[in-house]
Amino acid sequence: MIRKKPDEKIYARLFDMFSLNPEECFFVDDTEENIAAGRRCGMDGFDFSMERFGELEQEFKGGCDAFPPDPTAL
């Protein structure tokens, strides 16, 4: 079965695959429904749009630990 956002099971699978703690993750999306699903799973979220790119850049100044190599496999 193919799952996609905002199905919360894809976030749980991501946490399992990469041994991530949701409270240490930061989720970026341009759809409030998807961000809300990520927040229900314990992640912090950011509603991205090009108009808010500067704000997002500030959030990431500290860097990121990991990115999925193939998000389509989730």
PDB file of N, CA and C in Angstrom:
ATOM      1  N   MET A   1       0.838  -1.173   0.000  1.00  0.00           N
ATOM      2  CA  MET A   1       0.000   0.000   0.000  1.00  0.00           C
ATOM      3  C   MET A   1       0.892   1.247   0.000  1.00  0.00           C
ATOM      4  N   ILE A   2       0.609   2.164  -0.864  1.00  0.00           N
ATOM      5  CA  ILE A   2       1.363   3.413  -0.931  1.00  0.00           C
ATOM      6  C   ILE A   2       0.744   4.416   0.028  1.00  0.00           C
ATOM      7  N   ARG A   3       1.591   4.994   0.834  1.00  0.00           N
ATOM      8  CA  ARG A   3       1.142   6.022   1.776  1.00  0.00           C
ATOM      9  C   ARG A   3       1.769   7.345   1.373  1.00  0.00           C
ATOM     10  N   LYS A   4       1.097   8.416   1.710  1.00  0.00           N
ATOM     11  CA  LYS A   4       1.646   9.741   1.434  1.00  0.00           C
ATOM     12  C   LYS A   4       1.175  10.700   2.509  1.00  0.00           C
ATOM     13  N   LYS A   5       1.805  11.850   2.545  1.00  0.00           N
ATOM     14  CA  LYS A   5       1.404  12.870   3.514  1.00  0.00           C
ATOM     15  C   LYS A   5      -0.057  13.217   3.283  1.00  0.00           C
ATOM     16  N   PRO A   6      -0.802  13.423   4.307  1.00  0.00           N
ATOM     17  CA  PRO A   6      -0.449  13.557   5.721  1.00  0.00           C
ATOM     18  C   PRO A   6      -0.620  12.279   6.539  1.00  0.00           C
ATOM     19  N   ASP A   7      -0.561  11.109   5.933  1.00  0.00           N
ATOM     20  CA  ASP A   7      -0.676   9.856   6.681  1.00  0.00           C
ATOM     21  C   ASP A   7       0.455   9.790   7.710  1.00  0.00           C
ATOM     22  N   GLU A   8       0.105   9.753   8.972  1.00  0.00           N
ATOM     23  CA  GLU A   8       1.098   9.800  10.044  1.00  0.00           C
ATOM     24  C   GLU A   8       2.015   8.580  10.046  1.00  0.00           C
ATOM     25  N   LYS A   9       1.609   7.499   9.406  1.00  0.00           N
ATOM     26  CA  LYS A   9       2.448   6.299   9.378  1.00  0.00           C
ATOM     27  C   LYS A   9       3.736   6.524   8.595  1.00  0.00           C
ATOM     28  N   ILE A  10       3.736   7.441   7.622  1.00  0.00           N
ATOM     29  CA  ILE A  10       4.986   7.685   6.891  1.00  0.00           C
ATOM     30  C   ILE A  10       6.005   8.380   7.789  1.00  0.00           C
ATOM     31  N   TYR A  11       5.532   9.212   8.694  1.00  0.00           N
ATOM     32  CA  TYR A  11       6.454   9.873   9.621  1.00  0.00           C
ATOM     33  C   TYR A  11       7.033   8.841  10.585  1.00  0.00           C
ATOM     34  N   ALA A  12       6.196   7.943  11.089  1.00  0.00           N
ATOM     35  CA  ALA A  12       6.665   6.893  11.997  1.00  0.00           C
ATOM     36  C   ALA A  12       7.699   6.008  11.302  1.00  0.00           C
ATOM     37  N   ARG A  13       7.475   5.718  10.043  1.00  0.00           N
ATOM     38  CA  ARG A  13       8.437   4.897   9.295  1.00  0.00           C
ATOM     39  C   ARG A  13       9.764   5.625   9.149  1.00  0.00           C
ATOM     40  N   LEU A  14       9.714   6.904   8.886  1.00  0.00           N
ATOM     41  CA  LEU A  14      10.935   7.709   8.795  1.00  0.00           C
ATOM     42  C   LEU A  14      11.710   7.657  10.113  1.00  0.00           C
ATOM     43  N   PHE A  15      11.006   7.822  11.225  1.00  0.00           N
ATOM     44  CA  PHE A  15      11.660   7.768  12.537  1.00  0.00           C
ATOM     45  C   PHE A  15      12.342   6.416  12.739  1.00  0.00           C
ATOM     46  N   ASP A  16      11.645   5.337  12.386  1.00  0.00           N
ATOM     47  CA  ASP A  16      12.205   3.994  12.546  1.00  0.00           C
ATOM     48  C   ASP A  16      13.398   3.759  11.622  1.00  0.00           C
ATOM     49  N   MET A  17      13.264   4.127  10.357  1.00  0.00           N
ATOM     50  CA  MET A  17      14.323   3.881   9.373  1.00  0.00           C
ATOM     51  C   MET A  17      15.627   4.565   9.745  1.00  0.00           C
ATOM     52  N   PHE A  18      15.532   5.756  10.311  1.00  0.00           N
ATOM     53  CA  PHE A  18      16.729   6.542  10.599  1.00  0.00           C
ATOM     54  C   PHE A  18      17.007   6.672  12.093  1.00  0.00           C
ATOM     55  N   SER A  19      16.299   5.897  12.911  1.00  0.00           N
ATOM     56  CA  SER A  19      16.464   5.945  14.377  1.00  0.00           C
ATOM     57  C   SER A  19      16.389   7.377  14.895  1.00  0.00           C
ATOM     58  N   LEU A  20      15.331   8.064  14.508  1.00  0.00           N
ATOM     59  CA  LEU A  20      15.158   9.466  14.875  1.00  0.00           C
ATOM     60  C   LEU A  20      14.189   9.625  16.034  1.00  0.00           C
ATOM     61  N   ASN A  21      14.445  10.618  16.842  1.00  0.00           N
ATOM     62  CA  ASN A  21      13.525  11.030  17.888  1.00  0.00           C
ATOM     63  C   ASN A  21      12.691  12.168  17.299  1.00  0.00           C
ATOM     64  N   PRO A  22      11.373  12.022  17.194  1.00  0.00           N
ATOM     65  CA  PRO A  22      10.544  13.065  16.577  1.00  0.00           C
ATOM     66  C   PRO A  22      10.740  14.444  17.206  1.00  0.00           C
ATOM     67  N   GLU A  23      11.018  14.481  18.494  1.00  0.00           N
ATOM     68  CA  GLU A  23      11.196  15.766  19.170  1.00  0.00           C
ATOM     69  C   GLU A  23      12.479  16.470  18.745  1.00  0.00           C
ATOM     70  N   GLU A  24      13.373  15.753  18.053  1.00  0.00           N
ATOM     71  CA  GLU A  24      14.610  16.343  17.554  1.00  0.00           C
ATOM     72  C   GLU A  24      14.530  16.635  16.053  1.00  0.00           C
ATOM     73  N   CYS A  25      13.348  16.433  15.469  1.00  0.00           N
ATOM     74  CA  CYS A  25      13.152  16.639  14.033  1.00  0.00           C
ATOM     75  C   CYS A  25      12.427  17.953  13.770  1.00  0.00           C
ATOM     76  N   PHE A  26      12.679  18.506  12.593  1.00  0.00           N
ATOM     77  CA  PHE A  26      12.060  19.751  12.161  1.00  0.00           C
ATOM     78  C   PHE A  26      11.474  19.496  10.783  1.00  0.00           C
ATOM     79  N   PHE A  27      10.163  19.649  10.645  1.00  0.00           N
ATOM     80  CA  PHE A  27       9.454  19.306   9.417  1.00  0.00           C
ATOM     81  C   PHE A  27       9.089  20.573   8.651  1.00  0.00           C
ATOM     82  N   VAL A  28       9.438  20.603   7.367  1.00  0.00           N
ATOM     83  CA  VAL A  28       9.144  21.750   6.506  1.00  0.00           C
ATOM     84  C   VAL A  28       8.205  21.291   5.402  1.00  0.00           C
ATOM     85  N   ASP A  29       7.124  22.035   5.201  1.00  0.00           N
ATOM     86  CA  ASP A  29       6.166  21.701   4.149  1.00  0.00           C
ATOM     87  C   ASP A  29       5.413  22.972   3.784  1.00  0.00           C
ATOM     88  N   ASP A  30       4.750  22.953   2.648  1.00  0.00           N
ATOM     89  CA  ASP A  30       3.972  24.126   2.239  1.00  0.00           C
ATOM     90  C   ASP A  30       2.473  23.915   2.430  1.00  0.00           C
ATOM     91  N   THR A  31       2.102  22.838   3.135  1.00  0.00           N
ATOM     92  CA  THR A  31       0.699  22.533   3.373  1.00  0.00           C
ATOM     93  C   THR A  31       0.456  22.383   4.868  1.00  0.00           C
ATOM     94  N   GLU A  32      -0.435  23.194   5.406  1.00  0.00           N
ATOM     95  CA  GLU A  32      -0.702  23.173   6.846  1.00  0.00           C
ATOM     96  C   GLU A  32      -1.170  21.800   7.322  1.00  0.00           C
ATOM     97  N   GLU A  33      -1.950  21.100   6.515  1.00  0.00           N
ATOM     98  CA  GLU A  33      -2.432  19.767   6.889  1.00  0.00           C
ATOM     99  C   GLU A  33      -1.262  18.800   7.123  1.00  0.00           C
ATOM    100  N   ASN A  34      -0.246  18.864   6.266  1.00  0.00           N
ATOM    101  CA  ASN A  34       0.924  18.001   6.424  1.00  0.00           C
ATOM    102  C   ASN A  34       1.733  18.384   7.657  1.00  0.00           C
ATOM    103  N   ILE A  35       1.874  19.667   7.898  1.00  0.00           N
ATOM    104  CA  ILE A  35       2.602  20.139   9.077  1.00  0.00           C
ATOM    105  C   ILE A  35       1.877  19.709  10.342  1.00  0.00           C
ATOM    106  N   ALA A  36       0.568  19.820  10.347  1.00  0.00           N
ATOM    107  CA  ALA A  36      -0.220  19.411  11.514  1.00  0.00           C
ATOM    108  C   ALA A  36      -0.023  17.922  11.800  1.00  0.00           C
ATOM    109  N   ALA A  37       0.037  17.096  10.764  1.00  0.00           N
ATOM    110  CA  ALA A  37       0.263  15.659  10.957  1.00  0.00           C
ATOM    111  C   ALA A  37       1.644  15.419  11.558  1.00  0.00           C
ATOM    112  N   GLY A  38       2.639  16.126  11.068  1.00  0.00           N
ATOM    113  CA  GLY A  38       3.981  16.004  11.630  1.00  0.00           C
ATOM    114  C   GLY A  38       4.024  16.424  13.088  1.00  0.00           C
ATOM    115  N   ARG A  39       3.319  17.480  13.412  1.00  0.00           N
ATOM    116  CA  ARG A  39       3.269  17.941  14.805  1.00  0.00           C
ATOM    117  C   ARG A  39       2.568  16.928  15.698  1.00  0.00           C
ATOM    118  N   ARG A  40       1.537  16.281  15.191  1.00  0.00           N
ATOM    119  CA  ARG A  40       0.862  15.239  15.977  1.00  0.00           C
ATOM    120  C   ARG A  40       1.806  14.077  16.282  1.00  0.00           C
ATOM    121  N   CYS A  41       2.808  13.898  15.436  1.00  0.00           N
ATOM    122  CA  CYS A  41       3.796  12.835  15.643  1.00  0.00           C
ATOM    123  C   CYS A  41       4.952  13.287  16.531  1.00  0.00           C
ATOM    124  N   GLY A  42       4.945  14.540  16.939  1.00  0.00           N
ATOM    125  CA  GLY A  42       5.968  15.023  17.862  1.00  0.00           C
ATOM    126  C   GLY A  42       7.025  15.927  17.270  1.00  0.00           C
ATOM    127  N   MET A  43       6.953  16.202  15.968  1.00  0.00           N
ATOM    128  CA  MET A  43       7.941  17.079  15.334  1.00  0.00           C
ATOM    129  C   MET A  43       7.517  18.538  15.428  1.00  0.00           C
ATOM    130  N   ASP A  44       8.508  19.413  15.368  1.00  0.00           N
ATOM    131  CA  ASP A  44       8.229  20.824  15.182  1.00  0.00           C
ATOM    132  C   ASP A  44       8.056  21.025  13.680  1.00  0.00           C
ATOM    133  N   GLY A  45       7.283  22.016  13.268  1.00  0.00           N
ATOM    134  CA  GLY A  45       7.033  22.204  11.847  1.00  0.00           C
ATOM    135  C   GLY A  45       7.105  23.648  11.413  1.00  0.00           C
ATOM    136  N   PHE A  46       7.337  23.845  10.122  1.00  0.00           N
ATOM    137  CA  PHE A  46       7.438  25.177   9.536  1.00  0.00           C
ATOM    138  C   PHE A  46       6.625  25.201   8.252  1.00  0.00           C
ATOM    139  N   ASP A  47       5.726  26.163   8.152  1.00  0.00           N
ATOM    140  CA  ASP A  47       4.894  26.342   6.960  1.00  0.00           C
ATOM    141  C   ASP A  47       5.706  27.136   5.945  1.00  0.00           C
ATOM    142  N   PHE A  48       6.263  26.440   4.951  1.00  0.00           N
ATOM    143  CA  PHE A  48       7.174  27.062   3.999  1.00  0.00           C
ATOM    144  C   PHE A  48       6.446  27.666   2.811  1.00  0.00           C
ATOM    145  N   SER A  49       6.891  28.839   2.447  1.00  0.00           N
ATOM    146  CA  SER A  49       6.534  29.474   1.182  1.00  0.00           C
ATOM    147  C   SER A  49       7.740  30.321   0.793  1.00  0.00           C
ATOM    148  N   MET A  50       7.893  30.626  -0.467  1.00  0.00           N
ATOM    149  CA  MET A  50       9.044  31.418  -0.904  1.00  0.00           C
ATOM    150  C   MET A  50       9.092  32.771  -0.196  1.00  0.00           C
ATOM    151  N   GLU A  51       7.928  33.301   0.156  1.00  0.00           N
ATOM    152  CA  GLU A  51       7.892  34.583   0.850  1.00  0.00           C
ATOM    153  C   GLU A  51       8.522  34.483   2.236  1.00  0.00           C
ATOM    154  N   ARG A  52       8.555  33.286   2.792  1.00  0.00           N
ATOM    155  CA  ARG A  52       9.099  33.078   4.142  1.00  0.00           C
ATOM    156  C   ARG A  52      10.477  32.418   4.112  1.00  0.00           C
ATOM    157  N   PHE A  53      11.129  32.424   2.956  1.00  0.00           N
ATOM    158  CA  PHE A  53      12.413  31.743   2.827  1.00  0.00           C
ATOM    159  C   PHE A  53      13.446  32.257   3.826  1.00  0.00           C
ATOM    160  N   GLY A  54      13.478  33.552   4.061  1.00  0.00           N
ATOM    161  CA  GLY A  54      14.425  34.131   5.012  1.00  0.00           C
ATOM    162  C   GLY A  54      14.244  33.576   6.415  1.00  0.00           C
ATOM    163  N   GLU A  55      12.991  33.396   6.823  1.00  0.00           N
ATOM    164  CA  GLU A  55      12.713  32.823   8.144  1.00  0.00           C
ATOM    165  C   GLU A  55      13.212  31.381   8.219  1.00  0.00           C
ATOM    166  N   LEU A  56      12.985  30.624   7.164  1.00  0.00           N
ATOM    167  CA  LEU A  56      13.429  29.235   7.136  1.00  0.00           C
ATOM    168  C   LEU A  56      14.953  29.168   7.196  1.00  0.00           C
ATOM    169  N   GLU A  57      15.598  30.044   6.464  1.00  0.00           N
ATOM    170  CA  GLU A  57      17.060  30.084   6.467  1.00  0.00           C
ATOM    171  C   GLU A  57      17.593  30.315   7.881  1.00  0.00           C
ATOM    172  N   GLN A  58      16.937  31.178   8.634  1.00  0.00           N
ATOM    173  CA  GLN A  58      17.343  31.432  10.019  1.00  0.00           C
ATOM    174  C   GLN A  58      17.179  30.181  10.880  1.00  0.00           C
ATOM    175  N   GLU A  59      16.111  29.446  10.670  1.00  0.00           N
ATOM    176  CA  GLU A  59      15.874  28.223  11.437  1.00  0.00           C
ATOM    177  C   GLU A  59      16.987  27.197  11.219  1.00  0.00           C
ATOM    178  N   PHE A  60      17.542  27.163  10.007  1.00  0.00           N
ATOM    179  CA  PHE A  60      18.543  26.158   9.666  1.00  0.00           C
ATOM    180  C   PHE A  60      19.978  26.631   9.839  1.00  0.00           C
ATOM    181  N   LYS A  61      20.193  27.795  10.390  1.00  0.00           N
ATOM    182  CA  LYS A  61      21.557  28.303  10.561  1.00  0.00           C
ATOM    183  C   LYS A  61      22.438  27.323  11.322  1.00  0.00           C
ATOM    184  N   GLY A  62      21.851  26.582  12.260  1.00  0.00           N
ATOM    185  CA  GLY A  62      22.621  25.621  13.047  1.00  0.00           C
ATOM    186  C   GLY A  62      22.947  24.336  12.308  1.00  0.00           C
ATOM    187  N   GLY A  63      22.350  24.122  11.145  1.00  0.00           N
ATOM    188  CA  GLY A  63      22.615  22.919  10.364  1.00  0.00           C
ATOM    189  C   GLY A  63      21.594  21.822  10.598  1.00  0.00           C
ATOM    190  N   CYS A  64      21.737  20.772   9.827  1.00  0.00           N
ATOM    191  CA  CYS A  64      20.861  19.604   9.906  1.00  0.00           C
ATOM    192  C   CYS A  64      21.726  18.368  10.068  1.00  0.00           C
ATOM    193  N   ASP A  65      21.196  17.373  10.746  1.00  0.00           N
ATOM    194  CA  ASP A  65      21.940  16.137  10.963  1.00  0.00           C
ATOM    195  C   ASP A  65      21.764  15.125   9.844  1.00  0.00           C
ATOM    196  N   ALA A  66      20.556  15.040   9.270  1.00  0.00           N
ATOM    197  CA  ALA A  66      20.315  13.972   8.300  1.00  0.00           C
ATOM    198  C   ALA A  66      19.202  14.342   7.335  1.00  0.00           C
ATOM    199  N   PHE A  67      19.321  13.823   6.122  1.00  0.00           N
ATOM    200  CA  PHE A  67      18.278  13.918   5.112  1.00  0.00           C
ATOM    201  C   PHE A  67      18.070  12.514   4.561  1.00  0.00           C
ATOM    202  N   PRO A  68      16.844  12.122   4.266  1.00  0.00           N
ATOM    203  CA  PRO A  68      16.650  10.791   3.683  1.00  0.00           C
ATOM    204  C   PRO A  68      17.280  10.737   2.296  1.00  0.00           C
ATOM    205  N   PRO A  69      18.051   9.680   1.986  1.00  0.00           N
ATOM    206  CA  PRO A  69      18.695   9.597   0.681  1.00  0.00           C
ATOM    207  C   PRO A  69      17.703   9.440  -0.463  1.00  0.00           C
ATOM    208  N   ASP A  70      16.577   8.795  -0.198  1.00  0.00           N
ATOM    209  CA  ASP A  70      15.561   8.593  -1.230  1.00  0.00           C
ATOM    210  C   ASP A  70      14.179   8.729  -0.599  1.00  0.00           C
ATOM    211  N   PRO A  71      13.661   9.965  -0.487  1.00  0.00           N
ATOM    212  CA  PRO A  71      12.365  10.167   0.157  1.00  0.00           C
ATOM    213  C   PRO A  71      11.232   9.374  -0.485  1.00  0.00           C
ATOM    214  N   THR A  72      11.366   9.020  -1.756  1.00  0.00           N
ATOM    215  CA  THR A  72      10.296   8.264  -2.414  1.00  0.00           C
ATOM    216  C   THR A  72      10.197   6.848  -1.856  1.00  0.00           C
ATOM    217  N   ALA A  73      11.241   6.368  -1.182  1.00  0.00           N
ATOM    218  CA  ALA A  73      11.223   5.021  -0.609  1.00  0.00           C
ATOM    219  C   ALA A  73      10.453   4.969   0.700  1.00  0.00           C
ATOM    220  N   LEU A  74      10.111   6.119   1.247  1.00  0.00           N
ATOM    221  CA  LEU A  74       9.380   6.151   2.502  1.00  0.00           C
ATOM    222  C   LEU A  74       7.950   5.766   2.260  1.00  0.00           C
TER     223      LEU A  74
END
